Amino acid sequence: MDIIRISGIRSYGHHGALPEETRLGQRFTVSLELEVDTRPAAASDDLKLTVDYASAIRTVEEQLKGKPVYLIETLAQQIAARILGTFLMVKAVTVEVHKPFAPVAADFDGISVRIRRERA
């Protein structure tokens, strides 16, 4: 399979286990790796035979702005499910959710979760 990578999708959401996270919200960053056979699209130069990047980004943004969840693990799973449910040519998806401002009393760059899900 070929990989289409969309990195650094940033949006604001209200996800987190602490009350101030769901109340105030924070920025999240998501990266996707979409496993797709790109040969048909490449041979025909036809967007309909591959993933529309703008649509994939909108799908992620909608999930980030949507109903709050406690865990970024849950958020990653929801994004993966939506991608697989929306883009039938995607055989598997890797989703990385990065939370740069996790409320932890330490000096660090952020917390992230990376999952890979395949079409059944």
C-alpha atoms as a PDB file:
ATOM      1  CA  MET A   1       0.000   0.000   0.000  1.00  0.00           C
ATOM      2  CA  ASP A   2       0.982   3.584  -0.583  1.00  0.00           C
ATOM      3  CA  ILE A   3       0.888   6.208   2.157  1.00  0.00           C
ATOM      4  CA  ILE A   4      -0.786   9.605   1.977  1.00  0.00           C
ATOM      5  CA  ARG A   5       0.421  11.625   4.959  1.00  0.00           C
ATOM      6  CA  ILE A   6      -1.423  14.698   6.201  1.00  0.00           C
ATOM      7  CA  SER A   7       0.474  16.236   9.074  1.00  0.00           C
ATOM      8  CA  GLY A   8      -0.143  18.967  11.594  1.00  0.00           C
ATOM      9  CA  ILE A   9      -3.915  19.451  11.368  1.00  0.00           C
ATOM     10  CA  ARG A  10      -4.533  21.970  14.161  1.00  0.00           C
ATOM     11  CA  SER A  11      -7.841  22.776  15.764  1.00  0.00           C
ATOM     12  CA  TYR A  12      -9.315  23.772  19.077  1.00  0.00           C
ATOM     13  CA  GLY A  13     -11.264  21.286  21.170  1.00  0.00           C
ATOM     14  CA  HIS A  14     -12.616  20.733  24.667  1.00  0.00           C
ATOM     15  CA  HIS A  15     -11.250  17.246  25.325  1.00  0.00           C
ATOM     16  CA  GLY A  16      -9.617  16.167  28.563  1.00  0.00           C
ATOM     17  CA  ALA A  17     -10.157  14.513  31.887  1.00  0.00           C
ATOM     18  CA  LEU A  18      -9.943  17.677  33.976  1.00  0.00           C
ATOM     19  CA  PRO A  19     -12.881  20.096  34.296  1.00  0.00           C
ATOM     20  CA  GLU A  20     -10.806  23.095  33.164  1.00  0.00           C
ATOM     21  CA  GLU A  21      -9.844  21.252  29.964  1.00  0.00           C
ATOM     22  CA  THR A  22     -13.449  20.699  28.961  1.00  0.00           C
ATOM     23  CA  ARG A  23     -14.454  24.187  30.079  1.00  0.00           C
ATOM     24  CA  LEU A  24     -11.588  26.218  28.579  1.00  0.00           C
ATOM     25  CA  GLY A  25     -10.514  23.941  25.738  1.00  0.00           C
ATOM     26  CA  GLN A  26      -7.103  23.764  24.113  1.00  0.00           C
ATOM     27  CA  ARG A  27      -5.356  23.248  20.797  1.00  0.00           C
ATOM     28  CA  PHE A  28      -4.816  19.741  19.427  1.00  0.00           C
ATOM     29  CA  THR A  29      -2.709  18.618  16.480  1.00  0.00           C
ATOM     30  CA  VAL A  30      -3.513  15.526  14.418  1.00  0.00           C
ATOM     31  CA  SER A  31      -1.482  13.736  11.765  1.00  0.00           C
ATOM     32  CA  LEU A  32      -2.812  11.012   9.478  1.00  0.00           C
ATOM     33  CA  GLU A  33      -1.233   8.263   7.438  1.00  0.00           C
ATOM     34  CA  LEU A  34      -3.735   6.873   4.963  1.00  0.00           C
ATOM     35  CA  GLU A  35      -2.880   3.541   3.362  1.00  0.00           C
ATOM     36  CA  VAL A  36      -4.264   3.662  -0.158  1.00  0.00           C
ATOM     37  CA  ASP A  37      -3.468   2.067  -3.501  1.00  0.00           C
ATOM     38  CA  THR A  38      -2.703   5.258  -5.414  1.00  0.00           C
ATOM     39  CA  ARG A  39      -1.996   3.552  -8.745  1.00  0.00           C
ATOM     40  CA  PRO A  40      -5.515   4.011 -10.216  1.00  0.00           C
ATOM     41  CA  ALA A  41      -5.519   7.722  -9.358  1.00  0.00           C
ATOM     42  CA  ALA A  42      -1.976   8.218 -10.606  1.00  0.00           C
ATOM     43  CA  ALA A  43      -2.691   6.428 -13.893  1.00  0.00           C
ATOM     44  CA  SER A  44      -5.832   8.457 -14.593  1.00  0.00           C
ATOM     45  CA  ASP A  45      -4.919  11.706 -12.784  1.00  0.00           C
ATOM     46  CA  ASP A  46      -8.423  11.564 -11.276  1.00  0.00           C
ATOM     47  CA  LEU A  47      -9.144  12.978  -7.800  1.00  0.00           C
ATOM     48  CA  LYS A  48     -12.193  10.709  -7.437  1.00  0.00           C
ATOM     49  CA  LEU A  49      -9.859   7.698  -7.269  1.00  0.00           C
ATOM     50  CA  THR A  50      -7.903   8.917  -4.270  1.00  0.00           C
ATOM     51  CA  VAL A  51      -8.490  10.735  -0.981  1.00  0.00           C
ATOM     52  CA  ASP A  52      -9.574  14.367  -1.190  1.00  0.00           C
ATOM     53  CA  TYR A  53      -7.134  15.927   1.291  1.00  0.00           C
ATOM     54  CA  ALA A  54      -9.383  18.879   2.086  1.00  0.00           C
ATOM     55  CA  SER A  55     -12.244  16.547   2.941  1.00  0.00           C
ATOM     56  CA  ALA A  56     -10.013  14.412   5.185  1.00  0.00           C
ATOM     57  CA  ILE A  57      -8.836  17.539   7.011  1.00  0.00           C
ATOM     58  CA  ARG A  58     -12.428  18.726   7.501  1.00  0.00           C
ATOM     59  CA  THR A  59     -13.321  15.298   8.919  1.00  0.00           C
ATOM     60  CA  VAL A  60     -10.556  15.608  11.519  1.00  0.00           C
ATOM     61  CA  GLU A  61     -11.482  19.199  12.366  1.00  0.00           C
ATOM     62  CA  GLU A  62     -15.133  18.239  12.893  1.00  0.00           C
ATOM     63  CA  GLN A  63     -14.114  15.503  15.313  1.00  0.00           C
ATOM     64  CA  LEU A  64     -11.743  17.815  17.206  1.00  0.00           C
ATOM     65  CA  LYS A  65     -14.444  20.474  17.538  1.00  0.00           C
ATOM     66  CA  GLY A  66     -17.142  17.915  18.349  1.00  0.00           C
ATOM     67  CA  LYS A  67     -18.422  16.298  21.514  1.00  0.00           C
ATOM     68  CA  PRO A  68     -15.711  16.289  24.219  1.00  0.00           C
ATOM     69  CA  VAL A  69     -14.103  13.056  25.353  1.00  0.00           C
ATOM     70  CA  TYR A  70     -11.816  12.477  28.324  1.00  0.00           C
ATOM     71  CA  LEU A  71      -8.966  10.655  26.574  1.00  0.00           C
ATOM     72  CA  ILE A  72      -6.928  11.412  23.474  1.00  0.00           C
ATOM     73  CA  GLU A  73      -6.972   7.633  22.973  1.00  0.00           C
ATOM     74  CA  THR A  74     -10.736   7.900  22.476  1.00  0.00           C
ATOM     75  CA  LEU A  75     -10.317  10.895  20.199  1.00  0.00           C
ATOM     76  CA  ALA A  76      -7.810   9.010  18.028  1.00  0.00           C
ATOM     77  CA  GLN A  77     -10.164   6.020  17.793  1.00  0.00           C
ATOM     78  CA  GLN A  78     -13.091   8.234  16.780  1.00  0.00           C
ATOM     79  CA  ILE A  79     -11.020   9.930  14.081  1.00  0.00           C
ATOM     80  CA  ALA A  80      -9.817   6.577  12.723  1.00  0.00           C
ATOM     81  CA  ALA A  81     -13.383   5.242  12.606  1.00  0.00           C
ATOM     82  CA  ARG A  82     -14.627   8.336  10.750  1.00  0.00           C
ATOM     83  CA  ILE A  83     -11.800   8.184   8.213  1.00  0.00           C
ATOM     84  CA  LEU A  84     -12.408   4.492   7.490  1.00  0.00           C
ATOM     85  CA  GLY A  85     -16.163   5.078   7.336  1.00  0.00           C
ATOM     86  CA  THR A  86     -15.900   8.055   5.007  1.00  0.00           C
ATOM     87  CA  PHE A  87     -13.074   7.168   2.617  1.00  0.00           C
ATOM     88  CA  LEU A  88     -13.695   3.674   1.273  1.00  0.00           C
ATOM     89  CA  MET A  89     -10.402   3.535  -0.649  1.00  0.00           C
ATOM     90  CA  VAL A  90      -8.434   3.821   2.631  1.00  0.00           C
ATOM     91  CA  LYS A  91      -7.366   0.300   3.642  1.00  0.00           C
ATOM     92  CA  ALA A  92      -5.811   1.375   6.961  1.00  0.00           C
ATOM     93  CA  VAL A  93      -5.228   4.611   8.831  1.00  0.00           C
ATOM     94  CA  THR A  94      -2.689   5.714  11.395  1.00  0.00           C
ATOM     95  CA  VAL A  95      -3.843   8.608  13.564  1.00  0.00           C
ATOM     96  CA  GLU A  96      -1.594  10.576  15.887  1.00  0.00           C
ATOM     97  CA  VAL A  97      -3.254  13.008  18.276  1.00  0.00           C
ATOM     98  CA  HIS A  98      -0.876  15.464  19.929  1.00  0.00           C
ATOM     99  CA  LYS A  99      -1.874  17.464  22.969  1.00  0.00           C
ATOM    100  CA  PRO A 100       0.840  20.130  23.343  1.00  0.00           C
ATOM    101  CA  PHE A 101      -0.538  21.765  26.460  1.00  0.00           C
ATOM    102  CA  ALA A 102      -1.516  18.811  28.637  1.00  0.00           C
ATOM    103  CA  PRO A 103      -1.945  20.015  32.232  1.00  0.00           C
ATOM    104  CA  VAL A 104       1.002  18.174  33.753  1.00  0.00           C
ATOM    105  CA  ALA A 105       3.384  19.825  36.209  1.00  0.00           C
ATOM    106  CA  ALA A 106       6.503  19.212  34.127  1.00  0.00           C
ATOM    107  CA  ASP A 107       8.530  20.798  31.339  1.00  0.00           C
ATOM    108  CA  PHE A 108       7.763  18.806  28.169  1.00  0.00           C
ATOM    109  CA  ASP A 109       6.700  19.275  24.549  1.00  0.00           C
ATOM    110  CA  GLY A 110       3.367  17.498  24.761  1.00  0.00           C
ATOM    111  CA  ILE A 111       1.636  14.150  24.950  1.00  0.00           C
ATOM    112  CA  SER A 112       0.585  12.135  21.933  1.00  0.00           C
ATOM    113  CA  VAL A 113      -1.152   8.886  21.106  1.00  0.00           C
ATOM    114  CA  ARG A 114      -0.624   7.057  17.837  1.00  0.00           C
ATOM    115  CA  ILE A 115      -2.955   4.263  16.695  1.00  0.00           C
ATOM    116  CA  ARG A 116      -3.333   2.233  13.512  1.00  0.00           C
ATOM    117  CA  ARG A 117      -6.658   0.770  12.428  1.00  0.00           C
ATOM    118  CA  GLU A 118      -7.391  -1.449   9.433  1.00  0.00           C
ATOM    119  CA  ARG A 119     -10.545  -1.963   7.471  1.00  0.00           C
ATOM    120  CA  ALA A 120     -12.194  -5.190   8.646  1.00  0.00           C
END
